[in-house]
Protein backbone atom coordinates (compact mmCIF):
# COMPACT_ATOMS: atom_id res chain seq x y z
CA MET A 1 -8.14 2.61 9.86
CA ASN A 2 -8.70 6.32 9.44
CA SER A 3 -5.95 7.84 11.37
CA TYR A 4 -2.27 8.46 10.97
CA GLN A 5 -1.91 6.88 13.93
CA GLU A 6 -3.56 3.57 13.42
CA ILE A 7 -2.01 2.74 10.16
CA ASN A 8 1.67 3.72 11.54
CA THR A 9 0.99 1.54 14.31
CA PHE A 10 -0.32 -1.01 11.88
CA ILE A 11 2.78 -0.86 9.63
CA ASN A 12 5.09 -1.16 12.52
CA HIS A 13 3.45 -4.41 13.35
CA VAL A 14 3.71 -5.75 10.00
CA TYR A 15 7.81 -4.38 10.00
CA GLY A 16 7.63 -6.17 13.58
CA GLU A 17 7.26 -9.86 12.20
CA ASN A 18 9.16 -9.04 9.24
CA ARG A 19 6.47 -10.41 6.79
CA PHE A 20 3.28 -9.42 5.76
CA SER A 21 0.21 -11.17 3.85
CA ASN A 22 -1.59 -10.23 0.99
CA ASP A 23 -4.35 -9.14 3.26
CA GLU A 24 -1.95 -6.85 5.13
CA PHE A 25 -0.74 -5.22 2.11
CA GLN A 26 -4.27 -4.56 0.70
CA THR A 27 -5.04 -2.75 3.89
CA ILE A 28 -1.92 -0.09 3.42
CA PHE A 29 -3.17 0.08 -0.07
CA HIS A 30 -6.39 0.89 0.33
CA TYR A 31 -5.71 3.32 3.05
CA ALA A 32 -3.11 5.06 0.65
CA ASN A 33 -5.91 5.06 -2.09
CA HIS A 34 -8.40 6.53 0.42
CA LYS A 35 -5.87 9.30 1.25
CA PHE A 36 -5.04 10.15 -2.35
CA ASP A 37 -9.19 10.56 -3.22
CA THR A 38 -8.99 13.01 -0.37
CA LEU A 39 -6.32 14.90 -2.34
CA LEU A 40 -8.44 14.62 -5.14
CA THR A 41 -11.27 16.16 -3.92
CA GLN A 42 -9.40 18.82 -2.10
CA PHE A 43 -7.46 20.02 -5.09
CA ASP A 44 -10.53 20.04 -7.34
CA LYS A 45 -9.70 16.56 -9.17
CA ASN A 46 -6.16 17.64 -10.22
CA GLN A 47 -5.71 15.23 -13.27
CA GLU A 48 -2.22 14.89 -12.77
CA LEU A 49 -2.84 13.53 -9.17
CA ALA A 50 -5.31 11.47 -10.45
CA ASP A 51 -3.06 9.85 -13.33
CA PHE A 52 -0.40 9.29 -10.68
CA GLN A 53 -3.05 7.31 -8.61
CA GLN A 54 -3.75 5.67 -11.49
CA SER A 55 0.01 4.80 -12.30
CA ILE A 56 0.38 3.43 -8.73
CA ASN A 57 -2.40 1.50 -8.77
CA HIS A 58 -1.19 -0.09 -12.02
CA THR A 59 2.64 -0.90 -10.76
CA VAL A 60 0.76 -2.47 -7.41
CA GLN A 61 -1.31 -4.81 -9.51
CA LEU A 62 1.97 -5.72 -11.40
CA MET A 63 4.02 -6.16 -8.35
CA GLN A 64 1.06 -8.70 -7.16
CA ASN A 65 0.73 -10.64 -10.41
CA SER A 66 4.67 -10.92 -10.28
CA LEU A 67 4.69 -12.05 -6.67
CA GLU A 68 2.21 -14.82 -7.32
CA LYS A 69 3.95 -16.09 -10.46
CA ILE A 70 6.93 -16.29 -8.49
CA GLY A 71 4.79 -18.41 -6.08
CA GLN A 72 5.41 -16.45 -2.82
CA ASN A 73 2.23 -18.15 -1.34
CA GLY A 74 0.48 -15.10 0.09
CA ASP A 75 3.70 -14.36 2.32
CA ILE A 76 6.17 -11.76 1.29
CA LYS A 77 9.41 -11.42 3.12
CA CYS A 78 10.32 -7.93 4.06
CA GLU A 79 13.35 -6.20 5.32
CA GLN A 80 13.49 -3.60 8.41
CA LYS A 81 15.78 -0.73 7.52
CA ILE A 82 18.11 -0.44 10.88
CA LYS A 83 18.19 3.36 11.48
């Protein structure tokens, strides 16, 4: 996925199912990481941005580890907020 429209369509699909798998989560995570890498390149390897990206990566890993321990079997129920 390379465009905003592609990821937006994908996210809407995931929310429409009201569940998402680890693979779907990883797809969104990798897209966000790619965008962060683009920002780091654009802003000449800004250390605060790099630290923030590492913090996000660590937080996501902790979340995944926690969910595995809860025993969600790879599927996580999510709620769609009504506007």
